Amino acid sequence: MKKFILSLLLVFIAAGSSVAQGYPFTPIDTAFASTNYLLLPPGFQFSIVFQQGQPVVLSNGTTKPSRGVNDFIMYVPNNGSSTNGWLFINHETADTNTFLGDGGGATTMTVTKVGNSWYPTGPFKHMNFSHLGLTRTNCAGGNGILANGNILTTEEFPPNSNVELFNNGAGIRDTTDFGGYKKYLNFGWMVECNVQGDTALRKMFQMGRFSHEAAQVMPDGRTVYLTDDFSGGCFFKFVANTFGDYTAGQLYAYKQVGNSGTWLPLPMNRDSLNNARTVAQRLGATLFIRLEDIDMDASGNIYIAETGADSVDLSSYITLGGVVANHLVPKHVGSNRYDDPYGRVLKLDPVTLGLTVLVEGGTASDGKTNFASVDNIQIDRARNIIYLQEDLISGTRGRQPSYITSSSNWICEVYALSLSTPNATVNDLKRFANFPKGAEATGGYFTPDYNNFFINVQHPASGNGAPFNVSTTVCITGFPPLVGIEGEGGSIPKRFELNQNYPNPFNPSTTIKFSVPKDGNTAIRVYDVKGQLVKTLVNQRIIVGNYSVDFNASELSSGVYFYTLEAPDYKETKKMILVK
């Protein structure tokens, strides 16, 4: 029976699994190597999956060259597979295109892994957004698959008028009213898409209109955290009314309160949602400087990339009622201006709502590690490592060495940081990748087994020469195999099933097998005879399949214990005996 690592290992590490948490690579020891190639640690390799200009099939069956500026990536596994599935790639553009339609867009494809390389297994398809009134600047998207199996793509930088939308004929050419509103108000939303069906379903008006960058889809099947890529922007949360149905719910804005925080509910009418950021600021929401990508660790903590910006004036947003985040107060340089050139990664505890800094940008003591303008982040939940991807806003102020003066020669890097590092600083970062000259590192996304890392080489310098002279999507392989919590192949289960642990009685370890007949949040918990929770082994959204998890009771005393399988509409309990 073939085994693969279970996707979305939310609590396994915290529960004491045997998964190794060390860095799975030898850091690149170089100081800003100016190169036209993608540099990786020894033992790692990449394969090119998709490039700007490759032919894409339109909805009418014609074939045209694809867009570029590849940004967000979503890998949707085929029946939980880490070797074949669907790939969804955003294009961060807002231009006029005779053949592909105006605005942004996305490309979908089926992909498979052969050896250490990934290949498309069918045609590249251009997703059609025209029936939704088009999209504009498809940037990042939803980190994680919705409980209904769909995904989210974002529309960044909403225009303020039809004049801006038209952009002197270089933007959206048709500015007639759409959906009963001015055309420009149809842009700046989350969009729900079905990747397998290559179908754009709807614009998610209930999630508000602002500079949508990214979303963290939570395993409860209802909650989605939303970031606002704006200097003076806010942090939002949407909670659906019904599990798996995100078309109706409540939008909230985050307000920091001392070492904790609270969620401010926004009025759920279209006028309010059209101006979600302004409404949030009037309610007293916390102000940030360009919140971008977002991800979740194995314990459910939320991590947010804050890119930062050079000397921004927050006066108008403070006047409205917004309050500057605590960590930005030291960045105050007078007259409500805040200077934040390097940015950082933030950590939110979803229980206490405390917001802290994981790591600040800046220059390390080695003089080689210049970490700034973090944009995309991706967490390897199995190894407890966060990958930080740069999108430099400038090459000055130590964000690049002084000898790199041209933006076409800027070097963006990808750093790794163990989430178990206490009081992390830039000195703790490990260099994982050096990107080709001029390119951003965008769209990182792991397969469920955390052994394949899709990432975009966005807008590299045209003078680099092939292959990295156009936007390119690659997959990085070479990660050492994982051991620990595993899924098992076999037939697709028709019902929930909790098997008797084996061995039983046991000392000190035993294996619990269970089956899940439908996607959804699933938990495996262990209790003592008093009904007190001993350990949570599983607590996450799980796709259909058969699974096993090991339970190590070496720290417990002999006796009878109970373990439960819990799902939204199912619960089963069995008994096991620990004998020492």
Protein backbone atom coordinates (compact mmCIF):
# COMPACT_ATOMS: atom_id res chain seq x y z
CA MET A 1 0.00 0.00 0.00
CA LYS A 2 1.50 3.30 -1.13
CA LYS A 3 1.81 5.94 1.57
CA PHE A 4 1.95 9.72 1.42
CA ILE A 5 2.14 12.45 4.01
CA LEU A 6 -1.20 13.86 5.06
CA SER A 7 -1.86 17.39 3.80
CA LEU A 8 -2.24 20.39 6.10
CA LEU A 9 -0.46 19.03 9.17
CA LEU A 10 -2.02 21.52 11.53
CA VAL A 11 -1.40 20.07 14.96
CA PHE A 12 0.75 17.04 14.42
CA ILE A 13 4.01 18.71 15.25
CA ALA A 14 2.64 20.20 18.43
CA ALA A 15 1.25 16.79 19.33
CA GLY A 16 4.70 15.26 19.30
CA SER A 17 5.00 13.50 15.97
CA SER A 18 8.31 12.11 14.84
CA VAL A 19 8.65 14.59 11.97
CA ALA A 20 12.08 16.19 11.90
CA GLN A 21 12.04 19.96 12.35
CA GLY A 22 15.56 20.85 11.19
CA TYR A 23 16.38 22.80 8.05
CA PRO A 24 16.10 20.42 5.09
CA PHE A 25 18.90 22.14 3.17
CA THR A 26 22.37 23.61 3.44
CA PRO A 27 22.00 27.39 3.27
CA ILE A 28 23.41 29.20 0.25
CA ASP A 29 26.52 31.03 1.44
CA THR A 30 26.73 34.02 -0.85
CA ALA A 31 26.21 37.74 -0.67
CA PHE A 32 23.81 38.80 -3.39
CA ALA A 33 25.21 36.82 -6.27
CA SER A 34 24.13 38.78 -9.32
CA THR A 35 23.01 36.07 -11.71
CA ASN A 36 20.53 35.42 -14.49
CA TYR A 37 19.69 32.00 -13.07
CA LEU A 38 17.85 30.51 -10.10
CA LEU A 39 20.34 29.44 -7.43
CA LEU A 40 19.34 26.68 -4.98
CA PRO A 41 21.11 24.72 -2.21
CA PRO A 42 23.08 21.58 -3.09
CA GLY A 43 20.82 18.62 -3.85
CA PHE A 44 17.87 20.74 -4.94
CA GLN A 45 16.69 21.17 -8.51
CA PHE A 46 13.85 22.84 -10.35
CA SER A 47 11.75 22.06 -13.40
CA ILE A 48 9.97 24.66 -15.54
CA VAL A 49 6.22 24.10 -15.56
CA PHE A 50 4.88 27.20 -17.34
CA GLN A 51 6.22 30.40 -18.92
CA GLN A 52 4.87 33.70 -20.17
CA GLY A 53 4.02 33.53 -23.87
CA GLN A 54 3.24 29.82 -23.98
CA PRO A 55 0.00 29.04 -25.85
CA VAL A 56 -3.20 29.03 -23.78
CA VAL A 57 -6.59 27.78 -24.89
CA LEU A 58 -9.40 30.31 -24.59
CA SER A 59 -13.00 29.45 -23.76
CA ASN A 60 -13.89 29.67 -27.48
CA GLY A 61 -11.26 27.07 -28.35
CA THR A 62 -8.74 29.42 -29.94
CA THR A 63 -5.10 29.47 -28.82
CA LYS A 64 -3.16 32.63 -27.98
CA PRO A 65 0.05 33.53 -26.11
CA SER A 66 -0.39 33.63 -22.35
CA ARG A 67 -0.05 36.62 -20.10
CA GLY A 68 2.99 37.12 -17.89
CA VAL A 69 3.66 38.59 -14.44
CA ASN A 70 2.93 35.21 -12.83
CA ASP A 71 2.03 35.72 -9.19
CA PHE A 72 -0.24 33.52 -7.05
CA ILE A 73 0.00 29.71 -7.33
CA MET A 74 -2.48 27.18 -6.03
CA TYR A 75 -1.91 23.44 -6.28
CA VAL A 76 -5.11 21.39 -5.99
CA PRO A 77 -4.28 17.70 -5.48
CA ASN A 78 -6.06 14.95 -7.36
CA ASN A 79 -7.48 12.73 -4.58
CA GLY A 80 -4.86 13.98 -2.14
CA SER A 81 -1.94 13.23 -4.47
CA SER A 82 1.37 15.06 -4.19
CA THR A 83 2.39 13.94 -7.67
CA ASN A 84 -0.57 14.97 -9.82
CA GLY A 85 -3.26 17.61 -9.66
CA TRP A 86 -4.31 21.02 -10.95
CA LEU A 87 -2.29 24.24 -10.98
CA PHE A 88 -3.83 27.72 -10.88
CA ILE A 89 -1.59 30.72 -11.69
CA ASN A 90 -2.58 34.39 -11.41
CA HIS A 91 -1.36 37.18 -13.67
CA GLU A 92 -0.77 40.47 -11.87
CA THR A 93 -1.74 42.74 -14.77
CA ALA A 94 -4.36 45.37 -15.52
CA ASP A 95 -3.70 45.92 -19.20
CA THR A 96 -5.66 45.84 -22.43
CA ASN A 97 -5.33 42.61 -24.42
CA THR A 98 -7.18 42.12 -27.69
CA PHE A 99 -7.11 38.33 -27.56
CA LEU A 100 -7.18 37.46 -23.85
CA GLY A 101 -9.51 40.16 -22.60
CA ASP A 102 -8.72 43.28 -20.62
CA GLY A 103 -7.57 43.34 -17.02
CA GLY A 104 -5.91 40.50 -15.12
CA GLY A 105 -6.50 36.81 -15.50
CA ALA A 106 -5.38 33.33 -14.58
CA THR A 107 -4.05 30.20 -16.25
CA THR A 108 -4.99 26.66 -15.23
CA MET A 109 -3.47 23.31 -16.11
CA THR A 110 -3.16 19.71 -14.98
CA VAL A 111 0.34 18.70 -13.84
CA THR A 112 2.17 15.54 -12.84
CA LYS A 113 5.51 14.59 -11.36
CA VAL A 114 7.83 12.19 -13.19
CA GLY A 115 11.04 11.53 -11.30
CA ASN A 116 12.13 14.87 -9.87
CA SER A 117 10.46 16.96 -12.59
CA TRP A 118 6.95 18.34 -13.04
CA TYR A 119 5.16 18.50 -16.38
CA PRO A 120 1.81 19.78 -17.67
CA THR A 121 -0.40 16.87 -18.74
CA GLY A 122 -2.90 18.83 -20.75
CA PRO A 123 -3.33 22.20 -22.42
CA PHE A 124 -2.79 25.50 -20.64
CA LYS A 125 -6.21 27.11 -20.23
CA HIS A 126 -7.00 30.79 -19.93
CA MET A 127 -9.71 31.22 -17.31
CA ASN A 128 -12.61 33.30 -18.59
CA PHE A 129 -13.75 36.09 -16.21
CA SER A 130 -15.76 38.04 -18.79
CA HIS A 131 -19.16 36.91 -17.46
CA LEU A 132 -18.15 38.43 -14.10
CA GLY A 133 -17.25 41.76 -15.71
CA LEU A 134 -13.54 40.80 -16.00
CA THR A 135 -10.91 40.97 -13.24
CA ARG A 136 -8.07 43.41 -12.64
CA THR A 137 -4.61 42.75 -11.23
CA ASN A 138 -5.05 39.15 -10.10
CA CYS A 139 -2.35 39.13 -7.48
CA ALA A 140 -2.34 36.56 -4.70
CA GLY A 141 -5.28 34.47 -3.54
CA GLY A 142 -6.55 32.02 -0.99
CA ASN A 143 -3.96 29.99 0.87
CA GLY A 144 -5.83 26.73 1.16
CA ILE A 145 -8.80 25.07 -0.47
CA LEU A 146 -12.28 26.15 0.60
CA ALA A 147 -14.46 23.57 2.34
CA ASN A 148 -16.55 23.37 -0.85
CA GLY A 149 -13.46 22.43 -2.90
CA ASN A 150 -13.10 25.80 -4.64
CA ILE A 151 -10.35 28.42 -4.32
CA LEU A 152 -10.07 32.21 -4.07
CA THR A 153 -8.23 34.61 -6.35
CA THR A 154 -7.76 38.29 -5.55
CA GLU A 155 -8.21 41.57 -7.37
CA GLU A 156 -5.60 43.95 -6.04
CA PHE A 157 -5.57 47.77 -6.36
CA PRO A 158 -9.25 48.64 -6.92
CA PRO A 159 -9.63 51.69 -9.18
CA ASN A 160 -11.19 54.86 -7.78
CA SER A 161 -13.03 55.87 -10.95
CA ASN A 162 -13.93 54.75 -14.45
CA VAL A 163 -11.27 57.16 -15.74
CA GLU A 164 -8.60 55.26 -13.78
CA LEU A 165 -10.10 51.96 -14.90
CA PHE A 166 -9.95 53.02 -18.56
CA ASN A 167 -6.36 54.26 -18.17
CA ASN A 168 -6.33 56.20 -21.44
CA GLY A 169 -7.28 53.08 -23.36
CA ALA A 170 -4.59 50.88 -21.79
CA GLY A 171 -6.86 49.33 -19.15
CA ILE A 172 -10.49 48.16 -19.23
CA ARG A 173 -12.01 49.56 -22.42
CA ASP A 174 -15.66 48.86 -21.61
CA THR A 175 -16.61 51.05 -18.64
CA THR A 176 -20.39 50.77 -18.91
CA ASP A 177 -22.29 50.05 -15.70
CA PHE A 178 -22.16 46.45 -14.51
CA GLY A 179 -24.43 44.78 -11.99
CA GLY A 180 -26.20 48.05 -11.29
CA TYR A 181 -23.00 49.87 -10.26
CA LYS A 182 -20.36 51.97 -11.92
CA LYS A 183 -17.96 49.66 -13.71
CA TYR A 184 -14.96 50.56 -11.52
CA LEU A 185 -16.85 49.30 -8.44
CA ASN A 186 -16.86 45.82 -9.99
CA PHE A 187 -13.11 45.53 -9.36
CA GLY A 188 -11.27 44.99 -6.08
CA TRP A 189 -12.94 41.82 -4.81
CA MET A 190 -12.20 38.22 -3.98
CA VAL A 191 -13.29 35.81 -6.73
CA GLU A 192 -14.33 32.19 -6.13
CA CYS A 193 -13.13 29.73 -8.78
CA ASN A 194 -13.43 26.03 -9.50
CA VAL A 195 -10.01 24.91 -10.72
CA GLN A 196 -10.98 21.41 -11.82
CA GLY A 197 -13.77 22.83 -13.95
CA ASP A 198 -11.71 25.80 -15.11
CA THR A 199 -14.60 28.06 -14.12
CA ALA A 200 -14.80 31.46 -12.45
CA LEU A 201 -17.92 31.26 -10.28
CA ARG A 202 -18.59 34.60 -8.60
CA LYS A 203 -17.17 37.78 -7.13
CA MET A 204 -17.31 37.62 -3.35
CA PHE A 205 -18.88 41.00 -2.57
CA GLN A 206 -19.53 39.91 1.01
CA MET A 207 -15.75 39.85 1.64
CA GLY A 208 -15.44 43.59 1.01
CA ARG A 209 -13.70 45.81 -1.52
CA PHE A 210 -10.13 46.88 -0.77
CA SER A 211 -6.61 46.05 -1.99
CA HIS A 212 -7.06 42.30 -1.64
CA GLU A 213 -3.69 40.58 -1.53
CA ALA A 214 -4.19 37.20 0.07
CA ALA A 215 -6.52 35.07 2.16
CA GLN A 216 -5.98 32.32 4.71
CA VAL A 217 -8.69 29.71 4.47
CA MET A 218 -9.25 28.12 7.87
CA PRO A 219 -10.11 24.45 8.38
CA ASP A 220 -13.36 25.24 10.21
CA GLY A 221 -15.04 25.61 6.81
CA ARG A 222 -16.25 29.14 7.61
CA THR A 223 -13.40 31.54 8.46
CA VAL A 224 -11.18 33.38 5.96
CA TYR A 225 -8.54 35.95 7.02
CA LEU A 226 -7.97 38.74 4.47
CA THR A 227 -5.01 41.10 3.96
CA ASP A 228 -5.06 44.65 2.56
CA ASP A 229 -1.99 45.67 0.50
CA PHE A 230 -2.20 49.37 1.29
CA SER A 231 -0.20 51.87 3.35
CA GLY A 232 -2.79 52.59 6.01
CA GLY A 233 -4.63 49.38 5.22
CA CYS A 234 -6.47 47.06 7.60
CA PHE A 235 -6.65 43.39 8.47
CA PHE A 236 -9.99 41.65 7.88
CA LYS A 237 -11.77 38.41 8.69
CA PHE A 238 -14.82 36.91 7.00
CA VAL A 239 -16.96 34.29 8.76
CA ALA A 240 -19.50 32.42 6.65
CA ASN A 241 -22.95 31.76 8.04
CA THR A 242 -22.91 28.14 6.89
CA PHE A 243 -20.13 25.55 6.71
CA GLY A 244 -18.74 25.35 3.17
CA ASP A 245 -20.93 28.18 1.83
CA TYR A 246 -18.98 31.44 1.64
CA THR A 247 -21.61 33.44 -0.22
CA ALA A 248 -23.09 34.94 2.97
CA GLY A 249 -21.58 35.86 6.31
CA GLN A 250 -20.04 38.65 8.38
CA LEU A 251 -16.96 40.77 7.57
CA TYR A 252 -14.82 42.03 10.47
CA ALA A 253 -11.83 44.38 10.82
CA TYR A 254 -9.07 43.81 13.38
CA LYS A 255 -8.51 46.28 16.23
CA GLN A 256 -5.47 45.88 18.43
CA VAL A 257 -6.19 46.40 22.13
CA GLY A 258 -3.00 46.38 24.23
CA ASN A 259 -1.52 42.90 24.00
CA SER A 260 -4.77 41.48 22.67
CA GLY A 261 -7.36 42.59 20.14
CA THR A 262 -10.94 42.43 18.98
CA TRP A 263 -12.90 42.03 15.73
CA LEU A 264 -15.10 44.94 14.64
CA PRO A 265 -18.19 43.90 12.62
CA LEU A 266 -18.79 45.93 9.45
CA PRO A 267 -22.27 46.77 8.13
CA MET A 268 -23.08 44.14 5.50
CA ASN A 269 -24.67 46.40 2.90
CA ARG A 270 -23.16 47.01 -0.53
CA ASP A 271 -22.33 50.67 0.09
CA SER A 272 -20.35 49.74 3.20
CA LEU A 273 -18.64 46.80 1.53
CA ASN A 274 -17.69 48.99 -1.46
CA ASN A 275 -15.69 51.11 1.00
CA ALA A 276 -14.68 48.44 3.49
CA ARG A 277 -11.31 49.96 4.44
CA THR A 278 -12.75 53.44 5.09
CA VAL A 279 -15.62 51.98 7.12
CA ALA A 280 -13.13 49.91 9.15
CA GLN A 281 -10.96 52.97 9.83
CA ARG A 282 -13.99 54.92 11.04
CA LEU A 283 -14.72 52.09 13.47
CA GLY A 284 -11.20 52.37 14.91
CA ALA A 285 -9.48 49.52 13.09
CA THR A 286 -5.71 49.06 13.32
CA LEU A 287 -3.57 50.52 10.52
CA PHE A 288 -0.74 48.62 8.83
CA ILE A 289 1.76 49.34 6.07
CA ARG A 290 1.05 46.92 3.21
CA LEU A 291 -0.14 43.56 4.52
CA GLU A 292 0.49 40.94 1.86
CA ASP A 293 0.69 37.14 2.01
CA ILE A 294 -0.68 35.09 4.90
CA ASP A 295 -0.28 31.51 6.11
CA MET A 296 -0.95 29.26 9.10
CA ASP A 297 1.34 27.03 11.14
CA ALA A 298 0.64 23.55 12.50
CA SER A 299 -0.87 24.95 15.70
CA GLY A 300 -3.27 27.31 13.91
CA ASN A 301 -1.30 30.55 14.45
CA ILE A 302 -1.58 33.09 11.63
CA TYR A 303 1.49 34.67 9.99
CA ILE A 304 1.28 37.81 7.86
CA ALA A 305 3.85 39.48 5.61
CA GLU A 306 3.99 43.26 6.09
CA THR A 307 6.02 44.65 3.22
CA GLY A 308 6.56 48.17 4.57
CA ALA A 309 7.21 51.40 2.67
CA ASP A 310 9.42 54.46 2.73
CA SER A 311 8.01 57.36 4.77
CA VAL A 312 4.24 57.21 4.30
CA ASP A 313 1.72 59.79 5.54
CA LEU A 314 -1.08 58.15 7.54
CA SER A 315 -2.75 61.43 8.55
CA SER A 316 -6.00 61.01 6.64
CA TYR A 317 -6.54 57.47 7.96
CA ILE A 318 -5.76 58.48 11.55
CA THR A 319 -8.20 61.40 11.20
CA LEU A 320 -10.91 58.96 10.15
CA GLY A 321 -10.35 56.94 13.34
CA GLY A 322 -7.72 54.35 12.42
CA VAL A 323 -5.05 53.59 15.03
CA VAL A 324 -1.47 52.76 14.05
CA ALA A 325 -0.34 49.23 15.00
CA ASN A 326 1.83 49.03 18.13
CA HIS A 327 4.87 47.71 16.28
CA LEU A 328 4.78 50.71 13.90
CA VAL A 329 4.86 53.34 16.65
CA PRO A 330 8.70 53.32 16.76
CA LYS A 331 8.63 53.99 13.01
CA HIS A 332 7.03 57.42 13.55
CA VAL A 333 9.16 60.20 12.05
CA GLY A 334 6.84 63.18 12.64
CA SER A 335 3.62 64.71 11.25
CA ASN A 336 1.89 61.30 11.14
CA ARG A 337 4.58 59.98 8.81
CA TYR A 338 5.90 56.47 9.36
CA ASP A 339 9.10 55.15 7.82
CA ASP A 340 9.17 51.38 7.45
CA PRO A 341 11.68 50.46 4.72
CA TYR A 342 12.28 46.78 5.57
CA GLY A 343 8.97 45.35 6.71
CA ARG A 344 8.49 42.21 8.79
CA VAL A 345 6.47 39.08 9.43
CA LEU A 346 3.68 39.30 12.00
CA LYS A 347 2.14 36.53 14.10
CA LEU A 348 -1.49 36.51 15.25
CA ASP A 349 -2.74 34.23 18.00
CA PRO A 350 -6.33 33.54 16.86
CA VAL A 351 -7.43 32.75 20.42
CA THR A 352 -6.03 35.72 22.37
CA LEU A 353 -5.92 37.97 19.27
CA GLY A 354 -2.47 39.08 20.36
CA LEU A 355 -0.35 40.41 17.47
CA THR A 356 3.43 40.16 17.69
CA VAL A 357 6.45 40.45 15.40
CA LEU A 358 8.01 37.17 14.31
CA VAL A 359 11.02 38.76 12.60
CA GLU A 360 11.93 42.28 11.49
CA GLY A 361 13.59 43.03 8.19
CA GLY A 362 17.04 44.56 8.03
CA THR A 363 20.69 43.60 7.55
CA ALA A 364 22.29 40.74 9.47
CA SER A 365 25.61 40.99 11.25
CA ASP A 366 27.24 38.85 8.55
CA GLY A 367 26.79 41.71 6.11
CA LYS A 368 25.42 39.24 3.56
CA THR A 369 21.83 38.76 4.65
CA ASN A 370 19.78 41.79 3.61
CA PHE A 371 16.16 40.90 4.28
CA ALA A 372 13.55 43.43 3.16
CA SER A 373 10.10 43.90 1.66
CA VAL A 374 8.76 40.43 2.43
CA ASP A 375 5.81 39.72 0.13
CA ASN A 376 4.96 36.04 -0.12
CA ILE A 377 5.33 33.56 2.72
CA GLN A 378 4.78 29.83 2.80
CA ILE A 379 4.93 27.52 5.81
CA ASP A 380 6.21 23.97 5.69
CA ARG A 381 3.96 22.68 8.47
CA ALA A 382 5.66 19.30 8.55
CA ARG A 383 9.11 20.75 9.29
CA ASN A 384 7.87 23.88 11.12
CA ILE A 385 9.68 26.25 8.76
CA ILE A 386 8.45 29.48 7.18
CA TYR A 387 9.81 30.55 3.78
CA LEU A 388 10.07 34.31 3.23
CA GLN A 389 10.02 35.69 -0.31
CA GLU A 390 11.26 39.19 -1.09
CA ASP A 391 9.64 41.81 -3.34
CA LEU A 392 11.98 44.77 -3.01
CA ILE A 393 10.33 48.18 -3.09
CA SER A 394 13.71 49.79 -3.70
CA GLY A 395 17.38 48.89 -3.93
CA THR A 396 18.45 51.65 -1.55
CA ARG A 397 18.80 51.88 2.25
CA GLY A 398 20.57 48.56 2.60
CA ARG A 399 17.93 46.51 0.85
CA GLN A 400 20.57 45.79 -1.78
CA PRO A 401 24.34 46.20 -1.68
CA SER A 402 25.52 49.63 -2.82
CA TYR A 403 27.09 48.19 -5.97
CA ILE A 404 23.70 47.07 -7.29
CA THR A 405 22.18 50.30 -8.57
CA SER A 406 19.89 49.27 -11.42
CA SER A 407 16.46 47.74 -10.74
CA SER A 408 17.11 45.28 -13.57
CA ASN A 409 19.95 43.86 -11.45
CA TRP A 410 18.13 43.66 -8.12
CA ILE A 411 18.36 40.30 -6.47
CA CYS A 412 15.37 39.01 -4.51
CA GLU A 413 15.99 36.07 -2.22
CA VAL A 414 14.04 33.41 -0.38
CA TYR A 415 14.93 32.87 3.26
CA ALA A 416 13.87 30.13 5.67
CA LEU A 417 13.25 30.48 9.39
CA SER A 418 12.43 27.76 11.91
CA LEU A 419 9.24 28.76 13.74
CA SER A 420 10.70 27.29 16.90
CA THR A 421 13.43 29.98 16.95
CA PRO A 422 12.96 32.18 20.04
CA ASN A 423 13.12 35.96 19.53
CA ALA A 424 14.15 35.54 15.91
CA THR A 425 16.16 38.22 14.13
CA VAL A 426 17.49 38.56 10.62
CA ASN A 427 20.63 36.78 11.87
CA ASP A 428 18.57 33.57 12.18
CA LEU A 429 17.47 33.50 8.54
CA LYS A 430 18.83 30.80 6.23
CA ARG A 431 19.18 31.62 2.52
CA PHE A 432 17.26 29.08 0.44
CA ALA A 433 17.26 30.68 -3.01
CA ASN A 434 18.74 33.53 -5.02
CA PHE A 435 16.43 34.64 -7.80
CA PRO A 436 17.47 35.78 -11.29
CA LYS A 437 18.22 39.46 -11.80
CA GLY A 438 15.19 41.72 -11.74
CA ALA A 439 12.75 39.01 -10.60
CA GLU A 440 10.44 38.86 -7.63
CA ALA A 441 9.93 35.59 -5.77
CA THR A 442 6.16 35.13 -5.75
CA GLY A 443 3.43 32.55 -5.33
CA GLY A 444 5.12 29.86 -3.25
CA TYR A 445 2.97 26.79 -2.59
CA PHE A 446 3.74 23.27 -1.33
CA THR A 447 2.17 19.97 -2.34
CA PRO A 448 0.47 18.09 0.55
CA ASP A 449 3.61 16.07 1.32
CA TYR A 450 5.75 19.25 1.59
CA ASN A 451 8.30 17.78 -0.80
CA ASN A 452 7.50 19.93 -3.87
CA PHE A 453 7.62 23.74 -3.78
CA PHE A 454 5.93 25.63 -6.65
CA ILE A 455 7.15 29.20 -7.01
CA ASN A 456 7.15 31.99 -9.61
CA VAL A 457 10.08 33.86 -11.07
CA GLN A 458 8.09 37.03 -11.71
CA HIS A 459 9.14 39.63 -14.36
CA PRO A 460 12.89 38.82 -14.50
CA ALA A 461 15.15 41.18 -16.43
CA SER A 462 14.58 40.74 -20.17
CA GLY A 463 18.33 40.77 -20.74
CA ASN A 464 18.90 37.65 -18.67
CA GLY A 465 18.53 35.30 -21.61
CA ALA A 466 16.43 32.15 -21.64
CA PRO A 467 14.89 30.65 -19.63
CA PHE A 468 14.69 33.44 -17.06
CA ASN A 469 14.00 36.39 -19.32
CA VAL A 470 10.19 36.08 -18.93
CA SER A 471 7.88 35.24 -16.02
CA THR A 472 8.26 31.56 -15.22
CA THR A 473 6.59 29.04 -12.92
CA VAL A 474 8.92 26.37 -11.55
CA CYS A 475 8.70 23.51 -9.08
CA ILE A 476 11.60 22.98 -6.67
CA THR A 477 12.32 19.41 -5.56
CA GLY A 478 15.01 17.72 -3.50
CA PHE A 479 13.51 18.00 -0.01
CA PRO A 480 14.43 15.02 2.17
CA PRO A 481 11.53 12.59 2.69
CA LEU A 482 9.32 13.06 5.71
CA VAL A 483 8.35 10.46 8.25
CA GLY A 484 5.47 10.62 10.72
CA ILE A 485 1.75 11.09 10.22
CA GLU A 486 0.66 9.35 7.08
CA GLY A 487 -2.26 8.86 4.77
CA GLU A 488 -2.90 5.52 3.18
CA GLY A 489 -4.05 4.61 -0.28
CA GLY A 490 -6.72 2.10 -1.13
CA SER A 491 -10.38 2.42 -2.07
CA ILE A 492 -12.34 5.61 -1.46
CA PRO A 493 -14.24 5.19 1.83
CA LYS A 494 -18.07 5.36 1.77
CA ARG A 495 -18.51 6.09 5.50
CA PHE A 496 -16.66 7.37 8.55
CA GLU A 497 -14.76 4.63 10.28
CA LEU A 498 -12.59 4.56 13.39
CA ASN A 499 -10.55 1.37 13.70
CA GLN A 500 -9.35 -0.22 16.90
CA ASN A 501 -5.85 0.93 17.69
CA TYR A 502 -3.04 -1.57 17.12
CA PRO A 503 -1.38 -2.87 19.15
CA ASN A 504 -3.81 -2.85 22.05
CA PRO A 505 -2.83 -3.04 24.89
CA PHE A 506 0.25 -1.01 23.94
CA ASN A 507 3.47 0.39 25.38
CA PRO A 508 4.27 3.16 24.67
CA SER A 509 3.11 3.68 21.06
CA THR A 510 0.11 2.60 19.03
CA THR A 511 -1.40 3.35 15.63
CA ILE A 512 -4.93 4.62 15.02
CA LYS A 513 -6.45 4.19 11.56
CA PHE A 514 -9.52 6.08 10.40
CA SER A 515 -11.48 6.79 7.23
CA VAL A 516 -13.12 10.02 6.04
CA PRO A 517 -15.84 9.78 3.31
CA LYS A 518 -16.01 13.52 2.59
CA ASP A 519 -13.85 16.60 2.83
CA GLY A 520 -14.18 18.57 6.02
CA ASN A 521 -12.76 19.33 9.43
CA THR A 522 -11.80 16.15 11.30
CA ALA A 523 -10.34 15.64 14.75
CA ILE A 524 -8.75 12.70 16.58
CA ARG A 525 -8.51 13.33 20.34
CA VAL A 526 -7.39 11.23 23.30
CA TYR A 527 -9.06 11.47 26.74
CA ASP A 528 -8.42 9.88 30.13
CA VAL A 529 -11.04 8.05 32.21
CA LYS A 530 -12.10 11.37 33.83
CA GLY A 531 -12.94 12.78 30.42
CA GLN A 532 -10.00 15.18 30.44
CA LEU A 533 -8.29 15.89 27.13
CA VAL A 534 -4.87 14.25 27.00
CA LYS A 535 -3.72 15.00 23.44
CA THR A 536 -5.07 16.25 20.14
CA LEU A 537 -3.63 14.13 17.35
CA VAL A 538 -5.55 15.58 14.40
CA ASN A 539 -7.60 18.77 14.05
CA GLN A 540 -7.86 20.02 10.47
CA ARG A 541 -9.68 19.95 7.18
CA ILE A 542 -9.06 16.52 5.62
CA ILE A 543 -9.91 15.39 2.14
CA VAL A 544 -11.61 12.05 1.42
CA GLY A 545 -9.32 9.13 2.23
CA ASN A 546 -7.94 6.53 4.63
CA TYR A 547 -5.47 7.71 7.26
CA SER A 548 -3.36 6.64 10.20
CA VAL A 549 -1.77 8.50 13.07
CA ASP A 550 0.68 7.32 15.70
CA PHE A 551 0.04 7.98 19.39
CA ASN A 552 3.07 8.01 21.72
CA ALA A 553 2.04 7.71 25.39
CA SER A 554 5.53 7.54 26.89
CA GLU A 555 4.74 10.46 29.23
CA LEU A 556 1.47 8.96 30.47
CA SER A 557 0.77 6.46 33.21
CA SER A 558 -0.75 3.03 32.69
CA GLY A 559 -4.50 2.85 32.42
CA VAL A 560 -7.55 3.06 30.20
CA TYR A 561 -7.83 5.87 27.64
CA PHE A 562 -10.44 6.80 25.07
CA TYR A 563 -9.93 8.19 21.58
CA THR A 564 -12.57 9.87 19.43
CA LEU A 565 -13.09 10.59 15.76
CA GLU A 566 -15.04 13.85 15.40
CA ALA A 567 -16.46 15.46 12.26
CA PRO A 568 -19.22 18.08 11.79
CA ASP A 569 -21.91 15.37 11.60
CA TYR A 570 -20.17 12.35 13.12
CA LYS A 571 -18.56 11.21 16.37
CA GLU A 572 -17.22 7.82 17.43
CA THR A 573 -15.25 6.72 20.49
CA LYS A 574 -13.11 3.65 21.20
CA LYS A 575 -11.16 2.43 24.22
CA MET A 576 -7.47 1.56 24.44
CA ILE A 577 -5.24 0.33 27.24
CA LEU A 578 -1.73 1.51 28.07
CA VAL A 579 0.32 -1.06 30.00
CA LYS A 580 3.79 -0.22 31.33
